[in-house]
Protein backbone atom coordinates (compact mmCIF):
# COMPACT_ATOMS: atom_id res chain seq x y z
CA UNK A 1 0.00 0.00 0.00
CA UNK A 2 1.26 3.46 -0.92
CA UNK A 3 1.56 6.30 1.54
CA UNK A 4 0.58 9.68 0.12
CA UNK A 5 1.36 12.75 2.19
CA UNK A 6 -0.14 16.14 1.50
CA UNK A 7 2.14 18.82 2.90
CA UNK A 8 0.54 22.16 3.71
CA UNK A 9 -0.40 24.42 6.57
CA UNK A 10 -4.12 24.50 5.83
CA UNK A 11 -4.46 27.09 3.08
CA UNK A 12 -7.37 26.76 0.61
CA UNK A 13 -5.12 25.20 -2.08
CA UNK A 14 -3.88 22.63 0.45
CA UNK A 15 -7.44 21.69 1.36
CA UNK A 16 -8.38 21.39 -2.33
CA UNK A 17 -5.33 19.19 -2.92
CA UNK A 18 -6.36 16.81 -0.13
CA UNK A 19 -9.85 16.50 -1.62
CA UNK A 20 -8.46 15.94 -5.12
CA UNK A 21 -6.00 13.27 -3.97
CA UNK A 22 -8.67 11.40 -2.00
CA UNK A 23 -10.98 11.58 -5.02
CA UNK A 24 -8.31 10.23 -7.42
CA UNK A 25 -7.40 7.41 -5.01
CA UNK A 26 -11.04 6.42 -4.59
CA UNK A 27 -11.98 6.75 -8.27
CA UNK A 28 -9.05 4.60 -9.41
CA UNK A 29 -9.27 2.00 -6.61
CA UNK A 30 -5.71 2.72 -5.50
CA UNK A 31 -4.65 1.17 -2.21
CA UNK A 32 -3.17 4.13 -0.41
CA UNK A 33 -3.13 5.87 2.93
CA UNK A 34 -3.60 9.63 2.53
CA UNK A 35 -1.96 11.63 5.34
CA UNK A 36 -2.15 15.38 5.94
CA UNK A 37 1.07 16.94 7.25
CA UNK A 38 0.63 20.45 8.69
CA UNK A 39 3.67 20.65 10.98
CA UNK A 40 6.03 23.23 9.48
CA UNK A 41 9.15 21.40 10.73
CA UNK A 42 8.08 18.19 8.99
CA UNK A 43 7.32 20.14 5.80
CA UNK A 44 10.74 21.81 5.88
CA UNK A 45 12.37 18.38 6.34
CA UNK A 46 11.19 17.60 2.79
CA UNK A 47 12.89 20.80 1.56
CA UNK A 48 9.50 22.27 0.60
CA UNK A 49 9.30 26.05 0.49
CA UNK A 50 5.91 26.44 -1.16
CA UNK A 51 2.84 24.35 -0.52
CA UNK A 52 0.81 22.35 -1.26
CA UNK A 53 3.10 19.41 -1.96
CA UNK A 54 2.42 15.74 -2.59
CA UNK A 55 4.84 13.09 -1.34
CA UNK A 56 4.36 9.50 -2.50
CA UNK A 57 6.27 6.85 -0.54
CA UNK A 58 8.68 9.52 0.77
CA UNK A 59 9.43 10.98 -2.70
CA UNK A 60 8.30 14.55 -3.41
CA UNK A 61 6.26 14.36 -6.62
CA UNK A 62 4.45 17.72 -6.86
CA UNK A 63 5.09 20.98 -5.03
CA UNK A 64 3.96 24.58 -4.99
CA UNK A 65 0.77 24.31 -7.02
CA UNK A 66 -2.75 22.94 -7.16
CA UNK A 67 -2.34 19.85 -9.36
CA UNK A 68 -4.87 18.48 -11.83
CA UNK A 69 -6.40 15.03 -11.36
CA UNK A 70 -4.23 13.63 -14.17
CA UNK A 71 -1.06 15.06 -12.57
CA UNK A 72 -2.03 13.45 -9.27
CA UNK A 73 -2.72 10.10 -10.91
CA UNK A 74 0.64 10.20 -12.75
CA UNK A 75 2.44 11.06 -9.50
CA UNK A 76 0.80 8.18 -7.64
CA UNK A 77 1.30 5.50 -10.29
C-alpha atoms as a PDB file:
ATOM      1  CA  UNK A   1       0.000   0.000   0.000  1.00  0.00           C
ATOM      2  CA  UNK A   2       1.258   3.455  -0.915  1.00  0.00           C
ATOM      3  CA  UNK A   3       1.557   6.302   1.539  1.00  0.00           C
ATOM      4  CA  UNK A   4       0.583   9.682   0.119  1.00  0.00           C
ATOM      5  CA  UNK A   5       1.362  12.746   2.191  1.00  0.00           C
ATOM      6  CA  UNK A   6      -0.139  16.140   1.499  1.00  0.00           C
ATOM      7  CA  UNK A   7       2.136  18.822   2.895  1.00  0.00           C
ATOM      8  CA  UNK A   8       0.543  22.158   3.710  1.00  0.00           C
ATOM      9  CA  UNK A   9      -0.403  24.420   6.568  1.00  0.00           C
ATOM     10  CA  UNK A  10      -4.120  24.495   5.827  1.00  0.00           C
ATOM     11  CA  UNK A  11      -4.457  27.089   3.075  1.00  0.00           C
ATOM     12  CA  UNK A  12      -7.368  26.756   0.610  1.00  0.00           C
ATOM     13  CA  UNK A  13      -5.120  25.197  -2.080  1.00  0.00           C
ATOM     14  CA  UNK A  14      -3.881  22.627   0.451  1.00  0.00           C
ATOM     15  CA  UNK A  15      -7.444  21.691   1.361  1.00  0.00           C
ATOM     16  CA  UNK A  16      -8.375  21.392  -2.326  1.00  0.00           C
ATOM     17  CA  UNK A  17      -5.332  19.192  -2.918  1.00  0.00           C
ATOM     18  CA  UNK A  18      -6.360  16.806  -0.130  1.00  0.00           C
ATOM     19  CA  UNK A  19      -9.853  16.504  -1.615  1.00  0.00           C
ATOM     20  CA  UNK A  20      -8.456  15.935  -5.115  1.00  0.00           C
ATOM     21  CA  UNK A  21      -5.995  13.267  -3.970  1.00  0.00           C
ATOM     22  CA  UNK A  22      -8.671  11.399  -2.001  1.00  0.00           C
ATOM     23  CA  UNK A  23     -10.983  11.578  -5.023  1.00  0.00           C
ATOM     24  CA  UNK A  24      -8.312  10.235  -7.423  1.00  0.00           C
ATOM     25  CA  UNK A  25      -7.397   7.407  -5.012  1.00  0.00           C
ATOM     26  CA  UNK A  26     -11.045   6.421  -4.586  1.00  0.00           C
ATOM     27  CA  UNK A  27     -11.981   6.745  -8.268  1.00  0.00           C
ATOM     28  CA  UNK A  28      -9.054   4.595  -9.410  1.00  0.00           C
ATOM     29  CA  UNK A  29      -9.275   1.999  -6.608  1.00  0.00           C
ATOM     30  CA  UNK A  30      -5.709   2.724  -5.496  1.00  0.00           C
ATOM     31  CA  UNK A  31      -4.648   1.168  -2.209  1.00  0.00           C
ATOM     32  CA  UNK A  32      -3.173   4.134  -0.406  1.00  0.00           C
ATOM     33  CA  UNK A  33      -3.130   5.872   2.926  1.00  0.00           C
ATOM     34  CA  UNK A  34      -3.599   9.633   2.533  1.00  0.00           C
ATOM     35  CA  UNK A  35      -1.964  11.627   5.340  1.00  0.00           C
ATOM     36  CA  UNK A  36      -2.148  15.380   5.942  1.00  0.00           C
ATOM     37  CA  UNK A  37       1.073  16.944   7.251  1.00  0.00           C
ATOM     38  CA  UNK A  38       0.635  20.449   8.689  1.00  0.00           C
ATOM     39  CA  UNK A  39       3.671  20.649  10.975  1.00  0.00           C
ATOM     40  CA  UNK A  40       6.026  23.230   9.480  1.00  0.00           C
ATOM     41  CA  UNK A  41       9.145  21.404  10.727  1.00  0.00           C
ATOM     42  CA  UNK A  42       8.080  18.191   8.986  1.00  0.00           C
ATOM     43  CA  UNK A  43       7.316  20.137   5.799  1.00  0.00           C
ATOM     44  CA  UNK A  44      10.743  21.811   5.884  1.00  0.00           C
ATOM     45  CA  UNK A  45      12.369  18.382   6.338  1.00  0.00           C
ATOM     46  CA  UNK A  46      11.193  17.600   2.787  1.00  0.00           C
ATOM     47  CA  UNK A  47      12.888  20.800   1.558  1.00  0.00           C
ATOM     48  CA  UNK A  48       9.503  22.270   0.603  1.00  0.00           C
ATOM     49  CA  UNK A  49       9.298  26.055   0.494  1.00  0.00           C
ATOM     50  CA  UNK A  50       5.905  26.441  -1.160  1.00  0.00           C
ATOM     51  CA  UNK A  51       2.839  24.345  -0.516  1.00  0.00           C
ATOM     52  CA  UNK A  52       0.808  22.347  -1.265  1.00  0.00           C
ATOM     53  CA  UNK A  53       3.103  19.412  -1.962  1.00  0.00           C
ATOM     54  CA  UNK A  54       2.415  15.735  -2.590  1.00  0.00           C
ATOM     55  CA  UNK A  55       4.841  13.089  -1.337  1.00  0.00           C
ATOM     56  CA  UNK A  56       4.364   9.497  -2.502  1.00  0.00           C
ATOM     57  CA  UNK A  57       6.274   6.846  -0.545  1.00  0.00           C
ATOM     58  CA  UNK A  58       8.679   9.518   0.771  1.00  0.00           C
ATOM     59  CA  UNK A  59       9.432  10.977  -2.696  1.00  0.00           C
ATOM     60  CA  UNK A  60       8.302  14.549  -3.415  1.00  0.00           C
ATOM     61  CA  UNK A  61       6.257  14.363  -6.625  1.00  0.00           C
ATOM     62  CA  UNK A  62       4.449  17.721  -6.859  1.00  0.00           C
ATOM     63  CA  UNK A  63       5.086  20.984  -5.034  1.00  0.00           C
ATOM     64  CA  UNK A  64       3.955  24.576  -4.988  1.00  0.00           C
ATOM     65  CA  UNK A  65       0.768  24.310  -7.024  1.00  0.00           C
ATOM     66  CA  UNK A  66      -2.749  22.942  -7.158  1.00  0.00           C
ATOM     67  CA  UNK A  67      -2.344  19.854  -9.365  1.00  0.00           C
ATOM     68  CA  UNK A  68      -4.866  18.484 -11.828  1.00  0.00           C
ATOM     69  CA  UNK A  69      -6.398  15.027 -11.357  1.00  0.00           C
ATOM     70  CA  UNK A  70      -4.228  13.629 -14.174  1.00  0.00           C
ATOM     71  CA  UNK A  71      -1.064  15.061 -12.569  1.00  0.00           C
ATOM     72  CA  UNK A  72      -2.028  13.449  -9.265  1.00  0.00           C
ATOM     73  CA  UNK A  73      -2.715  10.104 -10.914  1.00  0.00           C
ATOM     74  CA  UNK A  74       0.644  10.201 -12.750  1.00  0.00           C
ATOM     75  CA  UNK A  75       2.443  11.060  -9.500  1.00  0.00           C
ATOM     76  CA  UNK A  76       0.795   8.182  -7.636  1.00  0.00           C
ATOM     77  CA  UNK A  77       1.296   5.502 -10.288  1.00  0.00           C
END
